[in-house]
Amino acid sequence: MKYPKNLLLRQVQDRVSLTCQVDPTGHAHGCHITDGHYMEFNQTALVFVEHAIFNPALQNGHPVKDDHYTLHINFRMK
């Protein structure tokens, strides 16, 4: 995930919160931003989450769909 260049140059930091459905294969679907103040961070977070593979929820040891997966991504400079 790349830090948006214009926000990096301005030394902007933020936290983006998203909610998604994660299917039994670990792929996220239907993601939407629940909190985030900069469009560039929000878009970067959405692209990252939609390409990531997660550990799916388990029920009786078997992967199942999780309709309410919440994720927080912090954009911080070192």
C-alpha atoms as a PDB file:
ATOM      1  CA  MET A   1       0.000   0.000   0.000  1.00  0.00           C
ATOM      2  CA  LYS A   2       1.444   3.345  -1.025  1.00  0.00           C
ATOM      3  CA  TYR A   3       1.036   6.517   0.987  1.00  0.00           C
ATOM      4  CA  PRO A   4      -0.729   9.093  -1.229  1.00  0.00           C
ATOM      5  CA  LYS A   5       2.057  11.385  -2.423  1.00  0.00           C
ATOM      6  CA  ASN A   6       0.241  14.707  -1.995  1.00  0.00           C
ATOM      7  CA  LEU A   7      -0.702  13.817   1.611  1.00  0.00           C
ATOM      8  CA  LEU A   8       2.828  12.636   2.337  1.00  0.00           C
ATOM      9  CA  LEU A   9       4.247  15.937   1.072  1.00  0.00           C
ATOM     10  CA  ARG A  10       1.789  17.802   3.323  1.00  0.00           C
ATOM     11  CA  GLN A  11       2.658  15.439   6.223  1.00  0.00           C
ATOM     12  CA  VAL A  12      -1.000  14.470   6.738  1.00  0.00           C
ATOM     13  CA  GLN A  13      -1.861  11.437   8.874  1.00  0.00           C
ATOM     14  CA  ASP A  14      -5.227   9.774   9.472  1.00  0.00           C
ATOM     15  CA  ARG A  15      -7.028   6.563  10.350  1.00  0.00           C
ATOM     16  CA  VAL A  16      -9.505   4.962   7.945  1.00  0.00           C
ATOM     17  CA  SER A  17     -12.164   2.544   9.198  1.00  0.00           C
ATOM     18  CA  LEU A  18     -13.922   0.147   6.826  1.00  0.00           C
ATOM     19  CA  THR A  19     -16.613  -2.493   7.073  1.00  0.00           C
ATOM     20  CA  CYS A  20     -16.633  -5.443   4.669  1.00  0.00           C
ATOM     21  CA  GLN A  21     -18.035  -8.881   4.089  1.00  0.00           C
ATOM     22  CA  VAL A  22     -15.318 -11.539   4.068  1.00  0.00           C
ATOM     23  CA  ASP A  23     -16.228 -14.719   2.216  1.00  0.00           C
ATOM     24  CA  PRO A  24     -15.066 -18.218   3.206  1.00  0.00           C
ATOM     25  CA  THR A  25     -12.058 -17.930   0.861  1.00  0.00           C
ATOM     26  CA  GLY A  26     -10.859 -14.788   2.700  1.00  0.00           C
ATOM     27  CA  HIS A  27     -11.757 -12.250  -0.009  1.00  0.00           C
ATOM     28  CA  ALA A  28     -13.443  -8.976   0.993  1.00  0.00           C
ATOM     29  CA  HIS A  29     -16.589  -7.727  -0.748  1.00  0.00           C
ATOM     30  CA  GLY A  30     -18.966  -4.814  -0.345  1.00  0.00           C
ATOM     31  CA  CYS A  31     -16.450  -2.713   1.548  1.00  0.00           C
ATOM     32  CA  HIS A  32     -17.349   0.798   2.565  1.00  0.00           C
ATOM     33  CA  ILE A  33     -15.669   3.523   4.575  1.00  0.00           C
ATOM     34  CA  THR A  34     -17.193   4.146   7.993  1.00  0.00           C
ATOM     35  CA  ASP A  35     -14.674   6.783   9.062  1.00  0.00           C
ATOM     36  CA  GLY A  36     -11.965   8.644   7.163  1.00  0.00           C
ATOM     37  CA  HIS A  37     -11.268  12.300   6.513  1.00  0.00           C
ATOM     38  CA  TYR A  38      -9.285  12.304   3.253  1.00  0.00           C
ATOM     39  CA  MET A  39     -10.524  10.888  -0.047  1.00  0.00           C
ATOM     40  CA  GLU A  40      -7.005   9.789  -1.040  1.00  0.00           C
ATOM     41  CA  PHE A  41      -6.551   7.709   2.145  1.00  0.00           C
ATOM     42  CA  ASN A  42     -10.059   6.282   1.813  1.00  0.00           C
ATOM     43  CA  GLN A  43      -9.462   5.187  -1.778  1.00  0.00           C
ATOM     44  CA  THR A  44      -6.039   3.720  -0.973  1.00  0.00           C
ATOM     45  CA  ALA A  45      -7.530   1.740   1.922  1.00  0.00           C
ATOM     46  CA  LEU A  46     -10.401   0.428  -0.227  1.00  0.00           C
ATOM     47  CA  VAL A  47      -8.050  -0.752  -2.989  1.00  0.00           C
ATOM     48  CA  PHE A  48      -5.785  -2.439  -0.431  1.00  0.00           C
ATOM     49  CA  VAL A  49      -8.630  -4.260   1.334  1.00  0.00           C
ATOM     50  CA  GLU A  50     -10.254  -5.400  -1.897  1.00  0.00           C
ATOM     51  CA  HIS A  51      -6.983  -7.053  -2.979  1.00  0.00           C
ATOM     52  CA  ALA A  52      -6.025  -8.510   0.417  1.00  0.00           C
ATOM     53  CA  ILE A  53      -6.775 -12.042   1.558  1.00  0.00           C
ATOM     54  CA  PHE A  54      -7.957 -12.432   5.140  1.00  0.00           C
ATOM     55  CA  ASN A  55      -8.323 -15.371   7.482  1.00  0.00           C
ATOM     56  CA  PRO A  56     -12.045 -16.103   7.235  1.00  0.00           C
ATOM     57  CA  ALA A  57     -14.303 -16.553  10.237  1.00  0.00           C
ATOM     58  CA  LEU A  58     -14.639 -20.145  11.413  1.00  0.00           C
ATOM     59  CA  GLN A  59     -17.688 -22.006  12.599  1.00  0.00           C
ATOM     60  CA  ASN A  60     -17.124 -25.534  13.923  1.00  0.00           C
ATOM     61  CA  GLY A  61     -13.662 -25.369  12.345  1.00  0.00           C
ATOM     62  CA  HIS A  62     -14.972 -24.536   8.857  1.00  0.00           C
ATOM     63  CA  PRO A  63     -14.597 -21.177   7.042  1.00  0.00           C
ATOM     64  CA  VAL A  64     -17.807 -19.142   6.840  1.00  0.00           C
ATOM     65  CA  LYS A  65     -18.870 -15.748   5.507  1.00  0.00           C
ATOM     66  CA  ASP A  66     -18.468 -12.809   7.900  1.00  0.00           C
ATOM     67  CA  ASP A  67     -20.912 -10.011   7.084  1.00  0.00           C
ATOM     68  CA  HIS A  68     -19.547  -7.503   9.600  1.00  0.00           C
ATOM     69  CA  TYR A  69     -15.757  -7.437   9.396  1.00  0.00           C
ATOM     70  CA  THR A  70     -14.375  -4.098  10.590  1.00  0.00           C
ATOM     71  CA  LEU A  71     -10.842  -2.986   9.793  1.00  0.00           C
ATOM     72  CA  HIS A  72      -8.867   0.107  10.815  1.00  0.00           C
ATOM     73  CA  ILE A  73      -5.917   1.288   8.730  1.00  0.00           C
ATOM     74  CA  ASN A  74      -3.577   3.902  10.181  1.00  0.00           C
ATOM     75  CA  PHE A  75      -1.708   6.151   7.783  1.00  0.00           C
ATOM     76  CA  ARG A  76       1.270   7.362   9.806  1.00  0.00           C
ATOM     77  CA  MET A  77       4.638   8.736   8.830  1.00  0.00           C
ATOM     78  CA  LYS A  78       7.735   7.279  10.430  1.00  0.00           C
END
